[in-house]
Amino acid sequence: MYYTYMILTENNTLYCGYTDDVERRFKQHLSGKGAKYTRSHKPLKVVYSKEFETKSEAMKEEARIKKLSHQEKLKLIS
Protein backbone atom coordinates (compact mmCIF):
# COMPACT_ATOMS: atom_id res chain seq x y z
CA MET A 1 0.00 0.00 0.00
CA TYR A 2 1.03 3.59 -0.68
CA TYR A 3 -0.19 6.82 0.84
CA THR A 4 -0.47 10.47 -0.08
CA TYR A 5 -0.13 12.63 3.01
CA MET A 6 -0.04 16.24 4.15
CA ILE A 7 1.87 17.64 7.10
CA LEU A 8 1.05 20.88 8.90
CA THR A 9 4.16 22.95 9.65
CA GLU A 10 4.78 25.44 12.46
CA ASN A 11 4.24 28.43 10.16
CA ASN A 12 0.83 27.06 9.08
CA THR A 13 1.94 25.76 5.68
CA LEU A 14 1.15 22.32 4.31
CA TYR A 15 3.69 19.87 2.92
CA CYS A 16 2.42 17.10 0.65
CA GLY A 17 4.17 13.86 -0.23
CA TYR A 18 3.73 10.14 -0.81
CA THR A 19 5.15 7.10 0.98
CA ASP A 20 4.59 3.46 1.81
CA ASP A 21 4.73 4.18 5.59
CA VAL A 22 3.29 7.49 6.85
CA GLU A 23 4.55 7.13 10.44
CA ARG A 24 8.13 6.34 9.38
CA ARG A 25 8.11 9.16 6.85
CA PHE A 26 6.82 11.68 9.40
CA LYS A 27 9.64 10.67 11.77
CA GLN A 28 12.10 11.30 8.93
CA HIS A 29 10.64 14.80 8.47
CA LEU A 30 10.94 15.46 12.22
CA SER A 31 14.59 14.40 12.22
CA GLY A 32 15.40 16.75 9.33
CA LYS A 33 15.97 13.93 6.85
CA GLY A 34 12.56 13.93 5.17
CA ALA A 35 12.64 16.78 2.68
CA LYS A 36 14.41 20.08 2.16
CA TYR A 37 11.14 21.94 2.75
CA THR A 38 10.49 20.37 6.15
CA ARG A 39 14.04 21.13 7.29
CA SER A 40 13.26 24.84 7.18
CA HIS A 41 9.54 24.53 8.01
CA LYS A 42 9.24 22.47 11.20
CA PRO A 43 6.60 19.73 10.83
CA LEU A 44 3.94 19.55 13.55
CA LYS A 45 1.60 16.73 12.61
CA VAL A 46 0.15 14.67 9.79
CA VAL A 47 -3.23 16.21 8.97
CA TYR A 48 -4.22 14.09 5.96
CA SER A 49 -3.47 10.69 4.50
CA LYS A 50 -5.15 8.62 1.83
CA GLU A 51 -4.34 5.02 0.93
CA PHE A 52 -3.73 3.73 -2.61
CA GLU A 53 -2.95 0.31 -4.00
CA THR A 54 -0.12 1.51 -6.26
CA LYS A 55 2.73 3.97 -6.04
CA SER A 56 1.56 5.54 -9.30
CA GLU A 57 -1.89 6.34 -7.86
CA ALA A 58 -0.35 7.92 -4.76
CA MET A 59 2.02 10.01 -6.89
CA LYS A 60 -0.84 11.20 -9.10
CA GLU A 61 -2.83 12.26 -6.03
CA GLU A 62 0.22 14.10 -4.66
CA ALA A 63 0.58 15.99 -7.96
CA ARG A 64 -3.14 16.84 -7.94
CA ILE A 65 -3.03 18.13 -4.35
CA LYS A 66 0.08 20.24 -5.00
CA LYS A 67 -1.87 22.15 -7.66
CA LEU A 68 -4.59 23.12 -5.16
CA SER A 69 -4.66 26.45 -3.37
CA HIS A 70 -4.07 26.56 0.39
CA GLN A 71 -7.80 27.04 0.94
CA GLU A 72 -8.64 24.04 -1.24
CA LYS A 73 -6.13 21.92 0.70
CA LEU A 74 -7.72 22.98 3.99
CA LYS A 75 -11.13 22.01 2.61
CA LEU A 76 -9.77 18.59 1.60
CA ILE A 77 -8.41 18.03 5.12
CA SER A 78 -11.73 18.86 6.83
PDB file of N, CA and C in Angstrom:
ATOM      1  N   MET A   1       0.829  -1.189   0.000  1.00  0.00           N
ATOM      2  CA  MET A   1       0.000   0.000   0.000  1.00  0.00           C
ATOM      3  C   MET A   1       0.876   1.257   0.000  1.00  0.00           C
ATOM      4  N   TYR A   2       0.357   2.287  -0.635  1.00  0.00           N
ATOM      5  CA  TYR A   2       1.029   3.587  -0.681  1.00  0.00           C
ATOM      6  C   TYR A   2       0.062   4.652  -0.200  1.00  0.00           C
ATOM      7  N   TYR A   3       0.618   5.758   0.255  1.00  0.00           N
ATOM      8  CA  TYR A   3      -0.194   6.820   0.840  1.00  0.00           C
ATOM      9  C   TYR A   3       0.245   8.176   0.312  1.00  0.00           C
ATOM     10  N   THR A   4      -0.724   9.046   0.131  1.00  0.00           N
ATOM     11  CA  THR A   4      -0.466  10.465  -0.081  1.00  0.00           C
ATOM     12  C   THR A   4      -0.794  11.118   1.250  1.00  0.00           C
ATOM     13  N   TYR A   5       0.067  12.026   1.692  1.00  0.00           N
ATOM     14  CA  TYR A   5      -0.131  12.627   3.012  1.00  0.00           C
ATOM     15  C   TYR A   5       0.162  14.120   2.969  1.00  0.00           C
ATOM     16  N   MET A   6      -0.366  14.829   3.972  1.00  0.00           N
ATOM     17  CA  MET A   6      -0.043  16.242   4.155  1.00  0.00           C
ATOM     18  C   MET A   6       0.354  16.455   5.609  1.00  0.00           C
ATOM     19  N   ILE A   7       1.368  17.282   5.780  1.00  0.00           N
ATOM     20  CA  ILE A   7       1.871  17.638   7.104  1.00  0.00           C
ATOM     21  C   ILE A   7       1.662  19.130   7.319  1.00  0.00           C
ATOM     22  N   LEU A   8       1.156  19.479   8.491  1.00  0.00           N
ATOM     23  CA  LEU A   8       1.047  20.880   8.898  1.00  0.00           C
ATOM     24  C   LEU A   8       2.372  21.294   9.512  1.00  0.00           C
ATOM     25  N   THR A   9       2.889  22.463   9.112  1.00  0.00           N
ATOM     26  CA  THR A   9       4.158  22.951   9.655  1.00  0.00           C
ATOM     27  C   THR A   9       3.891  24.081  10.651  1.00  0.00           C
ATOM     28  N   GLU A  10       4.933  24.438  11.399  1.00  0.00           N
ATOM     29  CA  GLU A  10       4.784  25.438  12.459  1.00  0.00           C
ATOM     30  C   GLU A  10       4.378  26.818  11.946  1.00  0.00           C
ATOM     31  N   ASN A  11       4.652  27.121  10.697  1.00  0.00           N
ATOM     32  CA  ASN A  11       4.242  28.425  10.157  1.00  0.00           C
ATOM     33  C   ASN A  11       2.952  28.305   9.332  1.00  0.00           C
ATOM     34  N   ASN A  12       2.166  27.258   9.645  1.00  0.00           N
ATOM     35  CA  ASN A  12       0.830  27.060   9.078  1.00  0.00           C
ATOM     36  C   ASN A  12       0.844  26.798   7.568  1.00  0.00           C
ATOM     37  N   THR A  13       1.916  26.181   7.074  1.00  0.00           N
ATOM     38  CA  THR A  13       1.938  25.756   5.682  1.00  0.00           C
ATOM     39  C   THR A  13       1.691  24.250   5.649  1.00  0.00           C
ATOM     40  N   LEU A  14       1.416  23.748   4.469  1.00  0.00           N
ATOM     41  CA  LEU A  14       1.154  22.325   4.307  1.00  0.00           C
ATOM     42  C   LEU A  14       2.178  21.722   3.353  1.00  0.00           C
ATOM     43  N   TYR A  15       2.763  20.612   3.770  1.00  0.00           N
ATOM     44  CA  TYR A  15       3.691  19.870   2.923  1.00  0.00           C
ATOM     45  C   TYR A  15       2.976  18.605   2.462  1.00  0.00           C
ATOM     46  N   CYS A  16       3.072  18.286   1.191  1.00  0.00           N
ATOM     47  CA  CYS A  16       2.419  17.103   0.645  1.00  0.00           C
ATOM     48  C   CYS A  16       3.471  16.157   0.075  1.00  0.00           C
ATOM     49  N   GLY A  17       3.266  14.855   0.302  1.00  0.00           N
ATOM     50  CA  GLY A  17       4.172  13.855  -0.231  1.00  0.00           C
ATOM     51  C   GLY A  17       3.487  12.511  -0.352  1.00  0.00           C
ATOM     52  N   TYR A  18       4.251  11.502  -0.753  1.00  0.00           N
ATOM     53  CA  TYR A  18       3.728  10.138  -0.809  1.00  0.00           C
ATOM     54  C   TYR A  18       4.752   9.205  -0.179  1.00  0.00           C
ATOM     55  N   THR A  19       4.281   8.063   0.297  1.00  0.00           N
ATOM     56  CA  THR A  19       5.145   7.101   0.976  1.00  0.00           C
ATOM     57  C   THR A  19       4.460   5.750   1.065  1.00  0.00           C
ATOM     58  N   ASP A  20       5.204   4.757   1.526  1.00  0.00           N
ATOM     59  CA  ASP A  20       4.591   3.461   1.813  1.00  0.00           C
ATOM     60  C   ASP A  20       4.418   3.263   3.323  1.00  0.00           C
ATOM     61  N   ASP A  21       4.852   4.257   4.134  1.00  0.00           N
ATOM     62  CA  ASP A  21       4.726   4.183   5.594  1.00  0.00           C
ATOM     63  C   ASP A  21       4.678   5.612   6.148  1.00  0.00           C
ATOM     64  N   VAL A  22       3.480   6.085   6.437  1.00  0.00           N
ATOM     65  CA  VAL A  22       3.294   7.487   6.845  1.00  0.00           C
ATOM     66  C   VAL A  22       4.019   7.779   8.158  1.00  0.00           C
ATOM     67  N   GLU A  23       3.913   6.896   9.141  1.00  0.00           N
ATOM     68  CA  GLU A  23       4.547   7.129  10.443  1.00  0.00           C
ATOM     69  C   GLU A  23       6.066   7.232  10.325  1.00  0.00           C
ATOM     70  N   ARG A  24       6.670   6.309   9.581  1.00  0.00           N
ATOM     71  CA  ARG A  24       8.127   6.341   9.376  1.00  0.00           C
ATOM     72  C   ARG A  24       8.546   7.615   8.652  1.00  0.00           C
ATOM     73  N   ARG A  25       7.776   7.974   7.638  1.00  0.00           N
ATOM     74  CA  ARG A  25       8.106   9.160   6.848  1.00  0.00           C
ATOM     75  C   ARG A  25       7.999  10.424   7.690  1.00  0.00           C
ATOM     76  N   PHE A  26       6.968  10.507   8.537  1.00  0.00           N
ATOM     77  CA  PHE A  26       6.820  11.675   9.404  1.00  0.00           C
ATOM     78  C   PHE A  26       8.016  11.781  10.355  1.00  0.00           C
ATOM     79  N   LYS A  27       8.465  10.664  10.882  1.00  0.00           N
ATOM     80  CA  LYS A  27       9.637  10.672  11.765  1.00  0.00           C
ATOM     81  C   LYS A  27      10.872  11.170  11.015  1.00  0.00           C
ATOM     82  N   GLN A  28      10.986  10.805   9.742  1.00  0.00           N
ATOM     83  CA  GLN A  28      12.103  11.303   8.931  1.00  0.00           C
ATOM     84  C   GLN A  28      12.018  12.820   8.799  1.00  0.00           C
ATOM     85  N   HIS A  29      10.814  13.341   8.565  1.00  0.00           N
ATOM     86  CA  HIS A  29      10.639  14.795   8.472  1.00  0.00           C
ATOM     87  C   HIS A  29      11.023  15.462   9.785  1.00  0.00           C
ATOM     88  N   LEU A  30      10.611  14.897  10.908  1.00  0.00           N
ATOM     89  CA  LEU A  30      10.937  15.463  12.219  1.00  0.00           C
ATOM     90  C   LEU A  30      12.442  15.497  12.470  1.00  0.00           C
ATOM     91  N   SER A  31      13.143  14.482  11.990  1.00  0.00           N
ATOM     92  CA  SER A  31      14.589  14.397  12.222  1.00  0.00           C
ATOM     93  C   SER A  31      15.395  15.268  11.260  1.00  0.00           C
ATOM     94  N   GLY A  32      14.709  15.902  10.288  1.00  0.00           N
ATOM     95  CA  GLY A  32      15.401  16.752   9.327  1.00  0.00           C
ATOM     96  C   GLY A  32      15.890  16.005   8.099  1.00  0.00           C
ATOM     97  N   LYS A  33      15.511  14.739   7.972  1.00  0.00           N
ATOM     98  CA  LYS A  33      15.969  13.934   6.848  1.00  0.00           C
ATOM     99  C   LYS A  33      14.845  13.595   5.873  1.00  0.00           C
ATOM    100  N   GLY A  34      13.692  14.246   6.020  1.00  0.00           N
ATOM    101  CA  GLY A  34      12.555  13.931   5.173  1.00  0.00           C
ATOM    102  C   GLY A  34      12.558  14.652   3.843  1.00  0.00           C
ATOM    103  N   ALA A  35      12.681  15.960   3.891  1.00  0.00           N
ATOM    104  CA  ALA A  35      12.642  16.778   2.675  1.00  0.00           C
ATOM    105  C   ALA A  35      13.263  18.129   2.989  1.00  0.00           C
ATOM    106  N   LYS A  36      13.796  18.759   1.982  1.00  0.00           N
ATOM    107  CA  LYS A  36      14.411  20.076   2.163  1.00  0.00           C
ATOM    108  C   LYS A  36      13.404  21.069   2.759  1.00  0.00           C
ATOM    109  N   TYR A  37      12.166  21.015   2.278  1.00  0.00           N
ATOM    110  CA  TYR A  37      11.138  21.945   2.747  1.00  0.00           C
ATOM    111  C   TYR A  37      10.890  21.795   4.245  1.00  0.00           C
ATOM    112  N   THR A  38      10.802  20.558   4.736  1.00  0.00           N
ATOM    113  CA  THR A  38      10.490  20.369   6.155  1.00  0.00           C
ATOM    114  C   THR A  38      11.711  20.557   7.060  1.00  0.00           C
ATOM    115  N   ARG A  39      12.883  20.754   6.474  1.00  0.00           N
ATOM    116  CA  ARG A  39      14.040  21.129   7.293  1.00  0.00           C
ATOM    117  C   ARG A  39      13.930  22.581   7.724  1.00  0.00           C
ATOM    118  N   SER A  40      13.385  23.422   6.850  1.00  0.00           N
ATOM    119  CA  SER A  40      13.259  24.842   7.182  1.00  0.00           C
ATOM    120  C   SER A  40      11.861  25.217   7.659  1.00  0.00           C
ATOM    121  N   HIS A  41      10.912  24.313   7.542  1.00  0.00           N
ATOM    122  CA  HIS A  41       9.542  24.528   8.008  1.00  0.00           C
ATOM    123  C   HIS A  41       9.198  23.360   8.922  1.00  0.00           C
ATOM    124  N   LYS A  42       9.371  23.557  10.232  1.00  0.00           N
ATOM    125  CA  LYS A  42       9.241  22.468  11.198  1.00  0.00           C
ATOM    126  C   LYS A  42       7.876  21.781  11.121  1.00  0.00           C
ATOM    127  N   PRO A  43       7.867  20.463  10.895  1.00  0.00           N
ATOM    128  CA  PRO A  43       6.600  19.733  10.829  1.00  0.00           C
ATOM    129  C   PRO A  43       5.976  19.569  12.215  1.00  0.00           C
ATOM    130  N   LEU A  44       4.652  19.717  12.288  1.00  0.00           N
ATOM    131  CA  LEU A  44       3.940  19.552  13.553  1.00  0.00           C
ATOM    132  C   LEU A  44       3.182  18.237  13.622  1.00  0.00           C
ATOM    133  N   LYS A  45       2.376  17.969  12.586  1.00  0.00           N
ATOM    134  CA  LYS A  45       1.598  16.728  12.610  1.00  0.00           C
ATOM    135  C   LYS A  45       1.090  16.393  11.215  1.00  0.00           C
ATOM    136  N   VAL A  46       0.771  15.123  11.026  1.00  0.00           N
ATOM    137  CA  VAL A  46       0.146  14.665   9.788  1.00  0.00           C
ATOM    138  C   VAL A  46      -1.334  15.007   9.894  1.00  0.00           C
ATOM    139  N   VAL A  47      -1.833  15.774   8.923  1.00  0.00           N
ATOM    140  CA  VAL A  47      -3.232  16.208   8.966  1.00  0.00           C
ATOM    141  C   VAL A  47      -4.100  15.520   7.917  1.00  0.00           C
ATOM    142  N   TYR A  48      -3.467  14.752   7.028  1.00  0.00           N
ATOM    143  CA  TYR A  48      -4.216  14.085   5.960  1.00  0.00           C
ATOM    144  C   TYR A  48      -3.413  12.908   5.455  1.00  0.00           C
ATOM    145  N   SER A  49      -4.095  11.800   5.227  1.00  0.00           N
ATOM    146  CA  SER A  49      -3.473  10.690   4.500  1.00  0.00           C
ATOM    147  C   SER A  49      -4.562   9.892   3.804  1.00  0.00           C
ATOM    148  N   LYS A  50      -4.218   9.401   2.634  1.00  0.00           N
ATOM    149  CA  LYS A  50      -5.151   8.621   1.833  1.00  0.00           C
ATOM    150  C   LYS A  50      -4.390   7.436   1.260  1.00  0.00           C
ATOM    151  N   GLU A  51      -4.995   6.263   1.346  1.00  0.00           N
ATOM    152  CA  GLU A  51      -4.342   5.023   0.929  1.00  0.00           C
ATOM    153  C   GLU A  51      -4.639   4.696  -0.532  1.00  0.00           C
ATOM    154  N   PHE A  52      -3.610   4.161  -1.209  1.00  0.00           N
ATOM    155  CA  PHE A  52      -3.729   3.735  -2.606  1.00  0.00           C
ATOM    156  C   PHE A  52      -3.078   2.370  -2.767  1.00  0.00           C
ATOM    157  N   GLU A  53      -3.520   1.624  -3.752  1.00  0.00           N
ATOM    158  CA  GLU A  53      -2.948   0.308  -3.999  1.00  0.00           C
ATOM    159  C   GLU A  53      -1.599   0.376  -4.707  1.00  0.00           C
ATOM    160  N   THR A  54      -1.382   1.420  -5.511  1.00  0.00           N
ATOM    161  CA  THR A  54      -0.124   1.505  -6.258  1.00  0.00           C
ATOM    162  C   THR A  54       0.604   2.823  -5.981  1.00  0.00           C
ATOM    163  N   LYS A  55       1.898   2.776  -6.182  1.00  0.00           N
ATOM    164  CA  LYS A  55       2.730   3.970  -6.039  1.00  0.00           C
ATOM    165  C   LYS A  55       2.300   5.037  -7.045  1.00  0.00           C
ATOM    166  N   SER A  56       1.976   4.617  -8.244  1.00  0.00           N
ATOM    167  CA  SER A  56       1.561   5.536  -9.301  1.00  0.00           C
ATOM    168  C   SER A  56       0.321   6.327  -8.902  1.00  0.00           C
ATOM    169  N   GLU A  57      -0.656   5.654  -8.302  1.00  0.00           N
ATOM    170  CA  GLU A  57      -1.886   6.339  -7.864  1.00  0.00           C
ATOM    171  C   GLU A  57      -1.571   7.375  -6.783  1.00  0.00           C
ATOM    172  N   ALA A  58      -0.721   6.998  -5.838  1.00  0.00           N
ATOM    173  CA  ALA A  58      -0.346   7.921  -4.763  1.00  0.00           C
ATOM    174  C   ALA A  58       0.390   9.138  -5.313  1.00  0.00           C
ATOM    175  N   MET A  59       1.265   8.907  -6.285  1.00  0.00           N
ATOM    176  CA  MET A  59       2.019  10.008  -6.889  1.00  0.00           C
ATOM    177  C   MET A  59       1.091  10.945  -7.675  1.00  0.00           C
ATOM    178  N   LYS A  60       0.111  10.386  -8.347  1.00  0.00           N
ATOM    179  CA  LYS A  60      -0.842  11.204  -9.104  1.00  0.00           C
ATOM    180  C   LYS A  60      -1.670  12.067  -8.155  1.00  0.00           C
ATOM    181  N   GLU A  61      -2.068  11.493  -7.017  1.00  0.00           N
ATOM    182  CA  GLU A  61      -2.833  12.263  -6.026  1.00  0.00           C
ATOM    183  C   GLU A  61      -1.966  13.369  -5.433  1.00  0.00           C
ATOM    184  N   GLU A  62      -0.700  13.078  -5.167  1.00  0.00           N
ATOM    185  CA  GLU A  62       0.220  14.101  -4.659  1.00  0.00           C
ATOM    186  C   GLU A  62       0.309  15.256  -5.660  1.00  0.00           C
ATOM    187  N   ALA A  63       0.477  14.957  -6.917  1.00  0.00           N
ATOM    188  CA  ALA A  63       0.579  15.990  -7.955  1.00  0.00           C
ATOM    189  C   ALA A  63      -0.709  16.808  -8.022  1.00  0.00           C
ATOM    190  N   ARG A  64      -1.855  16.140  -7.902  1.00  0.00           N
ATOM    191  CA  ARG A  64      -3.141  16.843  -7.938  1.00  0.00           C
ATOM    192  C   ARG A  64      -3.276  17.795  -6.746  1.00  0.00           C
ATOM    193  N   ILE A  65      -2.915  17.319  -5.564  1.00  0.00           N
ATOM    194  CA  ILE A  65      -3.025  18.134  -4.348  1.00  0.00           C
ATOM    195  C   ILE A  65      -2.085  19.333  -4.415  1.00  0.00           C
ATOM    196  N   LYS A  66      -0.885  19.144  -4.934  1.00  0.00           N
ATOM    197  CA  LYS A  66       0.082  20.240  -4.998  1.00  0.00           C
ATOM    198  C   LYS A  66      -0.388  21.385  -5.897  1.00  0.00           C
ATOM    199  N   LYS A  67      -1.330  21.110  -6.790  1.00  0.00           N
ATOM    200  CA  LYS A  67      -1.872  22.147  -7.661  1.00  0.00           C
ATOM    201  C   LYS A  67      -3.000  22.931  -6.998  1.00  0.00           C
ATOM    202  N   LEU A  68      -3.488  22.448  -5.856  1.00  0.00           N
ATOM    203  CA  LEU A  68      -4.586  23.120  -5.161  1.00  0.00           C
ATOM    204  C   LEU A  68      -4.091  24.353  -4.416  1.00  0.00           C
ATOM    205  N   SER A  69      -4.992  25.293  -4.199  1.00  0.00           N
ATOM    206  CA  SER A  69      -4.665  26.452  -3.366  1.00  0.00           C
ATOM    207  C   SER A  69      -4.637  26.015  -1.906  1.00  0.00           C
ATOM    208  N   HIS A  70      -4.110  26.871  -1.044  1.00  0.00           N
ATOM    209  CA  HIS A  70      -4.069  26.564   0.390  1.00  0.00           C
ATOM    210  C   HIS A  70      -5.487  26.340   0.912  1.00  0.00           C
ATOM    211  N   GLN A  71      -6.405  27.170   0.500  1.00  0.00           N
ATOM    212  CA  GLN A  71      -7.804  27.041   0.945  1.00  0.00           C
ATOM    213  C   GLN A  71      -8.408  25.714   0.488  1.00  0.00           C
ATOM    214  N   GLU A  72      -8.125  25.317  -0.737  1.00  0.00           N
ATOM    215  CA  GLU A  72      -8.638  24.038  -1.237  1.00  0.00           C
ATOM    216  C   GLU A  72      -8.039  22.853  -0.477  1.00  0.00           C
ATOM    217  N   LYS A  73      -6.773  22.980  -0.097  1.00  0.00           N
ATOM    218  CA  LYS A  73      -6.128  21.922   0.699  1.00  0.00           C
ATOM    219  C   LYS A  73      -6.783  21.820   2.083  1.00  0.00           C
ATOM    220  N   LEU A  74      -7.072  22.975   2.678  1.00  0.00           N
ATOM    221  CA  LEU A  74      -7.724  22.976   3.993  1.00  0.00           C
ATOM    222  C   LEU A  74      -9.108  22.330   3.909  1.00  0.00           C
ATOM    223  N   LYS A  75      -9.810  22.599   2.826  1.00  0.00           N
ATOM    224  CA  LYS A  75     -11.132  22.008   2.612  1.00  0.00           C
ATOM    225  C   LYS A  75     -11.015  20.483   2.465  1.00  0.00           C
ATOM    226  N   LEU A  76     -10.001  20.024   1.778  1.00  0.00           N
ATOM    227  CA  LEU A  76      -9.766  18.592   1.598  1.00  0.00           C
ATOM    228  C   LEU A  76      -9.498  17.917   2.951  1.00  0.00           C
ATOM    229  N   ILE A  77      -8.754  18.583   3.814  1.00  0.00           N
ATOM    230  CA  ILE A  77      -8.414  18.034   5.119  1.00  0.00           C
ATOM    231  C   ILE A  77      -9.652  17.895   6.001  1.00  0.00           C
ATOM    232  N   SER A  78     -10.566  18.866   5.930  1.00  0.00           N
ATOM    233  CA  SER A  78     -11.727  18.856   6.825  1.00  0.00           C
ATOM    234  C   SER A  78     -12.840  17.950   6.410  1.00  0.00           C
TER     235      SER A  78
END
